Amino acid sequence: MGITSVFLLGIIGVIFSLIFKSKILSMIKREGTLVRFLQNRSWFKNPYSSGIVLFLWNTLITSVVALLFLILVLSGIDIAFLNIAVLGGGTIVSIVAWSTFNIAWSGSRKSRIKMASIGSSFYVLLGVYALYQFLTLKPSYQGEDVFMAALGLIAVLIIAIVALLTCFVFTGFQKRQHLH
């Protein structure tokens, strides 16, 4: 399975998670330990401080996934499915955390959007960094091929855009309540 196939499968998986967002949100229990923990914290009621915590969460999970991915690459372990498992696991953990933030939030819609904007801005910064690196990419010596570096930066940019949209949708828009 090539990298393009893995990439497309990942994007298709995220699209399905957005389509079935309400199903995913319904799996997070309002009485859950983490939901109650967040709801009982005074900082969580403030959209700025909760947004910063969400930003830090996104930074942490992205760093852990990147570190695990780097360890796999540097260790010479050439098991493609292990790389897919690391990336997929990071995505699943992030979506569960974003869903938990969504369920735990009890403030106004405007405050929810503020929290989501601050929290997902990590991916804006990551995307801008990847774009800057791509635009200023130059060979370090005469004749160096920078194609793979450019491809990696484009992949990071696409991942950042998809993560930005997914994080914002999961944290910024409340689960619709059905009226009976």
N, C-alpha and C. Protein backbone atom coordinates (compact mmCIF):
# COMPACT_ATOMS: atom_id res chain seq x y z
N MET A 1 0.85 -1.17 0.00
CA MET A 1 0.00 0.00 0.00
C MET A 1 0.90 1.24 0.00
N GLY A 2 0.73 2.08 -0.98
CA GLY A 2 1.56 3.26 -1.11
C GLY A 2 1.12 4.39 -0.19
N ILE A 3 1.98 5.38 -0.08
CA ILE A 3 1.70 6.52 0.80
C ILE A 3 0.48 7.29 0.34
N THR A 4 0.26 7.34 -0.98
CA THR A 4 -0.92 8.04 -1.50
C THR A 4 -2.19 7.34 -1.05
N SER A 5 -2.19 6.03 -1.07
CA SER A 5 -3.36 5.26 -0.63
C SER A 5 -3.63 5.49 0.85
N VAL A 6 -2.58 5.48 1.65
CA VAL A 6 -2.72 5.71 3.08
C VAL A 6 -3.27 7.11 3.33
N PHE A 7 -2.74 8.07 2.62
CA PHE A 7 -3.17 9.46 2.75
C PHE A 7 -4.64 9.61 2.40
N LEU A 8 -5.04 9.02 1.28
CA LEU A 8 -6.43 9.10 0.85
C LEU A 8 -7.36 8.38 1.83
N LEU A 9 -6.93 7.23 2.33
CA LEU A 9 -7.73 6.51 3.32
C LEU A 9 -7.91 7.35 4.59
N GLY A 10 -6.85 8.03 4.99
CA GLY A 10 -6.92 8.90 6.17
C GLY A 10 -7.90 10.03 5.98
N ILE A 11 -7.85 10.68 4.81
CA ILE A 11 -8.77 11.78 4.54
C ILE A 11 -10.20 11.27 4.45
N ILE A 12 -10.40 10.13 3.83
CA ILE A 12 -11.74 9.53 3.75
C ILE A 12 -12.25 9.20 5.15
N GLY A 13 -11.36 8.70 6.01
CA GLY A 13 -11.74 8.40 7.39
C GLY A 13 -12.18 9.64 8.15
N VAL A 14 -11.46 10.74 7.96
CA VAL A 14 -11.83 11.99 8.63
C VAL A 14 -13.15 12.51 8.08
N ILE A 15 -13.36 12.40 6.77
CA ILE A 15 -14.63 12.82 6.18
C ILE A 15 -15.79 12.02 6.78
N PHE A 16 -15.59 10.70 6.91
CA PHE A 16 -16.63 9.88 7.53
C PHE A 16 -16.86 10.28 8.98
N SER A 17 -15.79 10.62 9.71
CA SER A 17 -15.98 11.05 11.10
C SER A 17 -16.76 12.36 11.17
N LEU A 18 -16.59 13.23 10.18
CA LEU A 18 -17.37 14.46 10.16
C LEU A 18 -18.83 14.19 9.80
N ILE A 19 -19.04 13.26 8.88
CA ILE A 19 -20.40 12.92 8.50
C ILE A 19 -21.15 12.28 9.67
N PHE A 20 -20.47 11.41 10.39
CA PHE A 20 -21.09 10.70 11.51
C PHE A 20 -20.73 11.33 12.86
N LYS A 21 -20.54 12.65 12.86
CA LYS A 21 -20.15 13.37 14.06
C LYS A 21 -21.13 13.13 15.21
N SER A 22 -22.42 13.16 14.92
CA SER A 22 -23.40 13.00 15.99
C SER A 22 -23.31 11.61 16.62
N LYS A 23 -23.02 10.59 15.83
CA LYS A 23 -22.84 9.23 16.37
C LYS A 23 -21.62 9.18 17.29
N ILE A 24 -20.54 9.82 16.85
CA ILE A 24 -19.32 9.84 17.65
C ILE A 24 -19.57 10.58 18.95
N LEU A 25 -20.24 11.74 18.86
CA LEU A 25 -20.53 12.52 20.07
C LEU A 25 -21.45 11.76 21.02
N SER A 26 -22.35 10.95 20.48
CA SER A 26 -23.26 10.20 21.35
C SER A 26 -22.54 9.09 22.11
N MET A 27 -21.34 8.71 21.66
CA MET A 27 -20.58 7.68 22.38
C MET A 27 -19.90 8.25 23.63
N ILE A 28 -19.73 9.57 23.68
CA ILE A 28 -19.14 10.21 24.86
C ILE A 28 -20.25 10.44 25.87
N LYS A 29 -20.11 9.88 27.03
CA LYS A 29 -21.16 9.97 28.04
C LYS A 29 -21.04 11.27 28.84
N ARG A 30 -22.18 11.93 29.02
CA ARG A 30 -22.22 13.18 29.80
C ARG A 30 -21.80 12.93 31.25
N GLU A 31 -21.96 11.71 31.71
CA GLU A 31 -21.61 11.38 33.10
C GLU A 31 -20.19 10.83 33.19
N GLY A 32 -19.46 10.84 32.09
CA GLY A 32 -18.12 10.29 32.06
C GLY A 32 -17.17 11.04 32.98
N THR A 33 -16.12 10.37 33.40
CA THR A 33 -15.16 10.95 34.33
C THR A 33 -14.49 12.19 33.77
N LEU A 34 -14.02 12.12 32.54
CA LEU A 34 -13.33 13.26 31.95
C LEU A 34 -14.28 14.43 31.70
N VAL A 35 -15.51 14.15 31.28
CA VAL A 35 -16.50 15.21 31.06
C VAL A 35 -16.79 15.91 32.38
N ARG A 36 -17.02 15.15 33.43
CA ARG A 36 -17.28 15.74 34.75
C ARG A 36 -16.06 16.52 35.25
N PHE A 37 -14.87 15.96 35.02
CA PHE A 37 -13.65 16.65 35.43
C PHE A 37 -13.57 18.03 34.78
N LEU A 38 -13.80 18.09 33.47
CA LEU A 38 -13.74 19.37 32.77
C LEU A 38 -14.84 20.32 33.23
N GLN A 39 -16.05 19.81 33.40
CA GLN A 39 -17.16 20.66 33.81
C GLN A 39 -16.97 21.24 35.21
N ASN A 40 -16.22 20.56 36.06
CA ASN A 40 -16.02 21.04 37.43
C ASN A 40 -14.83 21.97 37.58
N ARG A 41 -14.15 22.27 36.52
CA ARG A 41 -13.00 23.17 36.57
C ARG A 41 -13.43 24.58 36.19
N SER A 42 -13.02 25.55 37.00
CA SER A 42 -13.41 26.94 36.72
C SER A 42 -12.77 27.45 35.42
N TRP A 43 -11.56 27.01 35.12
CA TRP A 43 -10.90 27.47 33.90
C TRP A 43 -11.62 26.98 32.65
N PHE A 44 -12.34 25.87 32.74
CA PHE A 44 -13.03 25.33 31.57
C PHE A 44 -14.24 26.18 31.18
N LYS A 45 -14.79 26.92 32.12
CA LYS A 45 -15.94 27.76 31.83
C LYS A 45 -15.55 29.03 31.07
N ASN A 46 -14.27 29.35 31.05
CA ASN A 46 -13.76 30.52 30.33
C ASN A 46 -13.31 30.05 28.94
N PRO A 47 -13.83 30.66 27.87
CA PRO A 47 -13.48 30.19 26.52
C PRO A 47 -11.99 30.38 26.18
N TYR A 48 -11.36 31.37 26.79
CA TYR A 48 -9.95 31.61 26.49
C TYR A 48 -9.06 30.57 27.14
N SER A 49 -9.30 30.30 28.43
CA SER A 49 -8.46 29.31 29.10
C SER A 49 -8.75 27.89 28.59
N SER A 50 -10.01 27.58 28.31
CA SER A 50 -10.30 26.25 27.77
C SER A 50 -9.75 26.12 26.35
N GLY A 51 -9.76 27.21 25.59
CA GLY A 51 -9.15 27.21 24.26
C GLY A 51 -7.65 26.98 24.33
N ILE A 52 -7.01 27.57 25.33
CA ILE A 52 -5.57 27.37 25.50
C ILE A 52 -5.27 25.92 25.87
N VAL A 53 -6.10 25.34 26.73
CA VAL A 53 -5.92 23.93 27.08
C VAL A 53 -6.11 23.05 25.85
N LEU A 54 -7.11 23.36 25.03
CA LEU A 54 -7.32 22.62 23.79
C LEU A 54 -6.13 22.80 22.85
N PHE A 55 -5.60 24.01 22.77
CA PHE A 55 -4.40 24.29 21.97
C PHE A 55 -3.23 23.43 22.46
N LEU A 56 -3.03 23.40 23.78
CA LEU A 56 -1.95 22.60 24.36
C LEU A 56 -2.18 21.11 24.11
N TRP A 57 -3.43 20.66 24.18
CA TRP A 57 -3.73 19.26 23.89
C TRP A 57 -3.35 18.93 22.45
N ASN A 58 -3.74 19.79 21.52
CA ASN A 58 -3.42 19.57 20.11
C ASN A 58 -1.91 19.55 19.89
N THR A 59 -1.21 20.44 20.60
CA THR A 59 0.25 20.47 20.51
C THR A 59 0.85 19.17 21.05
N LEU A 60 0.35 18.72 22.19
CA LEU A 60 0.87 17.50 22.82
C LEU A 60 0.64 16.28 21.95
N ILE A 61 -0.57 16.07 21.48
CA ILE A 61 -0.86 14.86 20.72
C ILE A 61 -0.12 14.87 19.39
N THR A 62 -0.01 16.03 18.75
CA THR A 62 0.74 16.12 17.50
C THR A 62 2.21 15.85 17.74
N SER A 63 2.76 16.36 18.83
CA SER A 63 4.16 16.11 19.16
C SER A 63 4.42 14.64 19.47
N VAL A 64 3.53 14.01 20.21
CA VAL A 64 3.69 12.59 20.54
C VAL A 64 3.62 11.74 19.27
N VAL A 65 2.66 12.03 18.41
CA VAL A 65 2.55 11.26 17.16
C VAL A 65 3.78 11.48 16.28
N ALA A 66 4.23 12.72 16.18
CA ALA A 66 5.43 13.01 15.37
C ALA A 66 6.66 12.32 15.96
N LEU A 67 6.78 12.31 17.29
CA LEU A 67 7.91 11.64 17.94
C LEU A 67 7.87 10.13 17.71
N LEU A 68 6.71 9.52 17.87
CA LEU A 68 6.58 8.08 17.62
C LEU A 68 6.89 7.75 16.16
N PHE A 69 6.40 8.58 15.26
CA PHE A 69 6.66 8.40 13.83
C PHE A 69 8.16 8.51 13.55
N LEU A 70 8.81 9.50 14.17
CA LEU A 70 10.26 9.69 14.00
C LEU A 70 11.04 8.50 14.57
N ILE A 71 10.62 8.00 15.72
CA ILE A 71 11.28 6.84 16.31
C ILE A 71 11.17 5.63 15.38
N LEU A 72 10.00 5.43 14.80
CA LEU A 72 9.83 4.32 13.86
C LEU A 72 10.74 4.47 12.64
N VAL A 73 10.83 5.69 12.12
CA VAL A 73 11.66 5.93 10.94
C VAL A 73 13.14 5.75 11.28
N LEU A 74 13.58 6.32 12.40
CA LEU A 74 15.00 6.25 12.76
C LEU A 74 15.44 4.85 13.23
N SER A 75 14.51 4.09 13.76
CA SER A 75 14.86 2.76 14.24
C SER A 75 14.98 1.76 13.10
N GLY A 76 14.53 2.14 11.92
CA GLY A 76 14.64 1.25 10.77
C GLY A 76 13.55 0.20 10.72
N ILE A 77 12.56 0.32 11.59
CA ILE A 77 11.44 -0.61 11.55
C ILE A 77 10.63 -0.28 10.31
N ASP A 78 10.60 -1.20 9.38
CA ASP A 78 9.96 -0.95 8.09
C ASP A 78 8.63 -1.69 7.99
N ILE A 79 7.78 -1.44 8.97
CA ILE A 79 6.45 -2.05 8.96
C ILE A 79 5.46 -0.92 8.70
N ALA A 80 4.96 -0.87 7.47
CA ALA A 80 4.09 0.24 7.07
C ALA A 80 2.85 0.34 7.94
N PHE A 81 2.32 -0.79 8.37
CA PHE A 81 1.11 -0.76 9.15
C PHE A 81 1.33 -0.17 10.54
N LEU A 82 2.57 -0.21 11.03
CA LEU A 82 2.87 0.41 12.31
C LEU A 82 2.77 1.93 12.19
N ASN A 83 3.26 2.48 11.08
CA ASN A 83 3.14 3.91 10.83
C ASN A 83 1.68 4.32 10.73
N ILE A 84 0.90 3.50 10.04
CA ILE A 84 -0.53 3.78 9.89
C ILE A 84 -1.21 3.72 11.26
N ALA A 85 -0.82 2.77 12.08
CA ALA A 85 -1.41 2.63 13.41
C ALA A 85 -1.11 3.85 14.28
N VAL A 86 0.11 4.36 14.19
CA VAL A 86 0.50 5.54 14.97
C VAL A 86 -0.32 6.75 14.52
N LEU A 87 -0.38 6.97 13.22
CA LEU A 87 -1.13 8.11 12.70
C LEU A 87 -2.63 7.96 12.97
N GLY A 88 -3.16 6.76 12.76
CA GLY A 88 -4.58 6.52 13.02
C GLY A 88 -4.92 6.64 14.49
N GLY A 89 -4.05 6.13 15.34
CA GLY A 89 -4.27 6.23 16.78
C GLY A 89 -4.29 7.67 17.25
N GLY A 90 -3.37 8.48 16.72
CA GLY A 90 -3.36 9.90 17.06
C GLY A 90 -4.64 10.60 16.63
N THR A 91 -5.13 10.23 15.46
CA THR A 91 -6.37 10.82 14.96
C THR A 91 -7.55 10.44 15.84
N ILE A 92 -7.63 9.18 16.21
CA ILE A 92 -8.74 8.71 17.04
C ILE A 92 -8.70 9.35 18.43
N VAL A 93 -7.51 9.42 19.02
CA VAL A 93 -7.38 10.04 20.34
C VAL A 93 -7.78 11.51 20.28
N SER A 94 -7.39 12.20 19.22
CA SER A 94 -7.76 13.61 19.06
C SER A 94 -9.26 13.79 18.91
N ILE A 95 -9.89 12.96 18.09
CA ILE A 95 -11.34 13.09 17.88
C ILE A 95 -12.10 12.79 19.16
N VAL A 96 -11.64 11.82 19.93
CA VAL A 96 -12.30 11.53 21.22
C VAL A 96 -12.13 12.72 22.18
N ALA A 97 -10.95 13.31 22.21
CA ALA A 97 -10.73 14.47 23.09
C ALA A 97 -11.57 15.66 22.65
N TRP A 98 -11.61 15.91 21.33
CA TRP A 98 -12.43 17.03 20.83
C TRP A 98 -13.90 16.79 21.13
N SER A 99 -14.35 15.56 21.02
CA SER A 99 -15.74 15.22 21.34
C SER A 99 -16.01 15.44 22.83
N THR A 100 -15.04 15.10 23.65
CA THR A 100 -15.18 15.31 25.10
C THR A 100 -15.29 16.79 25.42
N PHE A 101 -14.47 17.61 24.78
CA PHE A 101 -14.57 19.06 24.97
C PHE A 101 -15.96 19.55 24.54
N ASN A 102 -16.46 19.03 23.45
CA ASN A 102 -17.78 19.43 22.95
C ASN A 102 -18.86 19.09 23.96
N ILE A 103 -18.86 17.87 24.44
CA ILE A 103 -19.90 17.42 25.38
C ILE A 103 -19.79 18.16 26.71
N ALA A 104 -18.57 18.42 27.18
CA ALA A 104 -18.39 19.05 28.48
C ALA A 104 -18.71 20.54 28.47
N TRP A 105 -18.63 21.18 27.31
CA TRP A 105 -18.84 22.63 27.25
C TRP A 105 -20.29 22.98 27.53
N SER A 106 -20.50 23.99 28.38
CA SER A 106 -21.86 24.40 28.71
C SER A 106 -22.07 25.90 28.53
N GLY A 107 -21.12 26.60 27.94
CA GLY A 107 -21.25 28.04 27.74
C GLY A 107 -22.06 28.38 26.51
N SER A 108 -22.02 29.65 26.16
CA SER A 108 -22.78 30.14 25.02
C SER A 108 -22.15 29.67 23.70
N ARG A 109 -22.91 29.83 22.64
CA ARG A 109 -22.43 29.43 21.30
C ARG A 109 -21.23 30.29 20.90
N LYS A 110 -21.30 31.58 21.20
CA LYS A 110 -20.20 32.50 20.87
C LYS A 110 -18.93 32.10 21.62
N SER A 111 -19.06 31.75 22.88
CA SER A 111 -17.90 31.32 23.68
C SER A 111 -17.35 30.00 23.16
N ARG A 112 -18.24 29.11 22.73
CA ARG A 112 -17.81 27.82 22.16
C ARG A 112 -16.96 28.06 20.91
N ILE A 113 -17.39 28.99 20.07
CA ILE A 113 -16.63 29.32 18.85
C ILE A 113 -15.28 29.91 19.20
N LYS A 114 -15.23 30.75 20.25
CA LYS A 114 -13.95 31.32 20.70
C LYS A 114 -13.00 30.20 21.15
N MET A 115 -13.54 29.27 21.96
CA MET A 115 -12.73 28.16 22.45
C MET A 115 -12.20 27.33 21.28
N ALA A 116 -13.07 27.02 20.33
CA ALA A 116 -12.67 26.21 19.17
C ALA A 116 -11.65 26.94 18.31
N SER A 117 -11.81 28.23 18.15
CA SER A 117 -10.86 29.02 17.35
C SER A 117 -9.49 29.04 17.98
N ILE A 118 -9.44 29.25 19.27
CA ILE A 118 -8.14 29.28 19.97
C ILE A 118 -7.51 27.90 19.94
N GLY A 119 -8.28 26.88 20.25
CA GLY A 119 -7.74 25.52 20.31
C GLY A 119 -7.26 25.00 18.98
N SER A 120 -8.01 25.28 17.92
CA SER A 120 -7.62 24.76 16.61
C SER A 120 -6.58 25.63 15.91
N SER A 121 -6.26 26.79 16.50
CA SER A 121 -5.26 27.66 15.88
C SER A 121 -3.86 27.02 15.86
N PHE A 122 -3.66 26.00 16.67
CA PHE A 122 -2.38 25.28 16.60
C PHE A 122 -2.14 24.77 15.18
N TYR A 123 -3.20 24.26 14.56
CA TYR A 123 -3.06 23.72 13.21
C TYR A 123 -2.86 24.81 12.17
N VAL A 124 -3.35 26.01 12.45
CA VAL A 124 -3.06 27.15 11.58
C VAL A 124 -1.57 27.45 11.62
N LEU A 125 -1.03 27.50 12.84
CA LEU A 125 0.41 27.76 12.99
C LEU A 125 1.25 26.66 12.32
N LEU A 126 0.85 25.42 12.50
CA LEU A 126 1.56 24.30 11.88
C LEU A 126 1.50 24.40 10.36
N GLY A 127 0.33 24.73 9.82
CA GLY A 127 0.17 24.87 8.38
C GLY A 127 0.97 26.03 7.82
N VAL A 128 0.98 27.16 8.52
CA VAL A 128 1.76 28.32 8.08
C VAL A 128 3.25 27.98 8.09
N TYR A 129 3.69 27.28 9.13
CA TYR A 129 5.10 26.87 9.20
C TYR A 129 5.45 25.95 8.04
N ALA A 130 4.61 24.96 7.76
CA ALA A 130 4.87 24.03 6.66
C ALA A 130 4.87 24.77 5.32
N LEU A 131 3.95 25.69 5.14
CA LEU A 131 3.89 26.47 3.90
C LEU A 131 5.13 27.34 3.74
N TYR A 132 5.55 27.98 4.83
CA TYR A 132 6.76 28.80 4.78
C TYR A 132 7.98 27.95 4.42
N GLN A 133 8.10 26.80 5.08
CA GLN A 133 9.23 25.91 4.80
C GLN A 133 9.20 25.43 3.34
N PHE A 134 8.02 25.16 2.83
CA PHE A 134 7.88 24.71 1.45
C PHE A 134 8.29 25.81 0.48
N LEU A 135 7.82 27.03 0.74
CA LEU A 135 8.11 28.15 -0.16
C LEU A 135 9.58 28.57 -0.13
N THR A 136 10.25 28.32 0.97
CA THR A 136 11.66 28.72 1.08
C THR A 136 12.61 27.52 0.98
N LEU A 137 12.10 26.39 0.54
CA LEU A 137 12.89 25.17 0.44
C LEU A 137 13.95 25.32 -0.65
N LYS A 138 15.20 25.13 -0.25
CA LYS A 138 16.32 25.20 -1.19
C LYS A 138 17.25 24.04 -0.90
N PRO A 139 17.94 23.55 -1.92
CA PRO A 139 18.92 22.49 -1.67
C PRO A 139 20.07 22.99 -0.81
N SER A 140 20.55 22.15 0.08
CA SER A 140 21.66 22.56 0.94
C SER A 140 23.01 22.41 0.26
N TYR A 141 23.05 21.69 -0.85
CA TYR A 141 24.27 21.59 -1.65
C TYR A 141 23.88 21.43 -3.11
N GLN A 142 24.83 21.70 -3.99
CA GLN A 142 24.61 21.64 -5.43
C GLN A 142 24.13 20.24 -5.84
N GLY A 143 22.98 20.17 -6.51
CA GLY A 143 22.47 18.91 -7.02
C GLY A 143 21.60 18.11 -6.06
N GLU A 144 21.35 18.65 -4.87
CA GLU A 144 20.50 17.94 -3.92
C GLU A 144 19.06 17.93 -4.43
N ASP A 145 18.42 16.78 -4.34
CA ASP A 145 17.02 16.65 -4.75
C ASP A 145 16.14 16.92 -3.53
N VAL A 146 15.31 17.94 -3.61
CA VAL A 146 14.46 18.32 -2.48
C VAL A 146 13.01 17.84 -2.67
N PHE A 147 12.80 16.94 -3.62
CA PHE A 147 11.45 16.48 -3.91
C PHE A 147 10.79 15.83 -2.69
N MET A 148 11.50 14.95 -2.01
CA MET A 148 10.90 14.25 -0.86
C MET A 148 10.62 15.22 0.29
N ALA A 149 11.51 16.19 0.49
CA ALA A 149 11.26 17.19 1.52
C ALA A 149 10.02 18.01 1.17
N ALA A 150 9.89 18.38 -0.10
CA ALA A 150 8.72 19.14 -0.54
C ALA A 150 7.45 18.31 -0.38
N LEU A 151 7.51 17.05 -0.72
CA LEU A 151 6.37 16.16 -0.57
C LEU A 151 5.95 16.03 0.90
N GLY A 152 6.93 15.91 1.78
CA GLY A 152 6.65 15.84 3.21
C GLY A 152 6.00 17.11 3.73
N LEU A 153 6.49 18.26 3.27
CA LEU A 153 5.91 19.53 3.72
C LEU A 153 4.49 19.71 3.20
N ILE A 154 4.24 19.27 1.98
CA ILE A 154 2.87 19.32 1.44
C ILE A 154 1.96 18.41 2.25
N ALA A 155 2.46 17.24 2.62
CA ALA A 155 1.67 16.31 3.45
C ALA A 155 1.35 16.95 4.81
N VAL A 156 2.34 17.60 5.43
CA VAL A 156 2.11 18.27 6.71
C VAL A 156 1.07 19.38 6.55
N LEU A 157 1.15 20.12 5.46
CA LEU A 157 0.19 21.20 5.20
C LEU A 157 -1.23 20.64 5.05
N ILE A 158 -1.38 19.58 4.30
CA ILE A 158 -2.70 18.98 4.12
C ILE A 158 -3.23 18.41 5.44
N ILE A 159 -2.37 17.74 6.18
CA ILE A 159 -2.78 17.20 7.49
C ILE A 159 -3.20 18.32 8.42
N ALA A 160 -2.46 19.44 8.42
CA ALA A 160 -2.79 20.57 9.28
C ALA A 160 -4.15 21.17 8.90
N ILE A 161 -4.42 21.28 7.61
CA ILE A 161 -5.71 21.83 7.16
C ILE A 161 -6.86 20.91 7.57
N VAL A 162 -6.69 19.62 7.34
CA VAL A 162 -7.74 18.66 7.70
C VAL A 162 -7.95 18.64 9.22
N ALA A 163 -6.87 18.65 9.99
CA ALA A 163 -6.98 18.65 11.45
C ALA A 163 -7.63 19.94 11.94
N LEU A 164 -7.29 21.08 11.33
CA LEU A 164 -7.89 22.36 11.70
C LEU A 164 -9.41 22.31 11.52
N LEU A 165 -9.83 21.87 10.36
CA LEU A 165 -11.27 21.81 10.08
C LEU A 165 -11.98 20.82 10.99
N THR A 166 -11.37 19.65 11.19
CA THR A 166 -11.99 18.63 12.02
C THR A 166 -12.08 19.08 13.47
N CYS A 167 -11.00 19.64 14.00
CA CYS A 167 -11.00 20.13 15.38
C CYS A 167 -12.06 21.21 15.56
N PHE A 168 -12.11 22.15 14.61
CA PHE A 168 -13.07 23.24 14.73
C PHE A 168 -14.51 22.74 14.66
N VAL A 169 -14.78 21.81 13.76
CA VAL A 169 -16.14 21.26 13.64
C VAL A 169 -16.52 20.48 14.91
N PHE A 170 -15.60 19.67 15.42
CA PHE A 170 -15.93 18.86 16.59
C PHE A 170 -16.06 19.69 17.86
N THR A 171 -15.27 20.74 18.02
CA THR A 171 -15.33 21.52 19.26
C THR A 171 -16.21 22.75 19.14
N GLY A 172 -16.37 23.27 17.94
CA GLY A 172 -17.07 24.54 17.77
C GLY A 172 -18.55 24.45 17.57
N PHE A 173 -19.05 23.29 17.16
CA PHE A 173 -20.47 23.18 16.87
C PHE A 173 -21.09 22.13 17.77
N GLN A 174 -22.10 22.56 18.49
CA GLN A 174 -22.75 21.70 19.48
C GLN A 174 -23.52 20.58 18.81
N LYS A 175 -23.59 19.47 19.52
CA LYS A 175 -24.41 18.34 19.07
C LYS A 175 -25.87 18.77 19.06
N ARG A 176 -26.54 18.51 17.96
CA ARG A 176 -27.95 18.89 17.85
C ARG A 176 -28.80 18.01 18.74
N GLN A 177 -29.67 18.65 19.48
CA GLN A 177 -30.59 17.92 20.34
C GLN A 177 -31.89 17.68 19.57
N HIS A 178 -32.33 16.45 19.52
CA HIS A 178 -33.57 16.13 18.82
C HIS A 178 -34.76 16.39 19.74
N LEU A 179 -35.77 17.04 19.21
CA LEU A 179 -36.98 17.30 19.98
C LEU A 179 -37.97 16.16 19.74
N HIS A 180 -38.55 15.67 20.80
CA HIS A 180 -39.52 14.58 20.69
C HIS A 180 -40.91 15.08 20.98
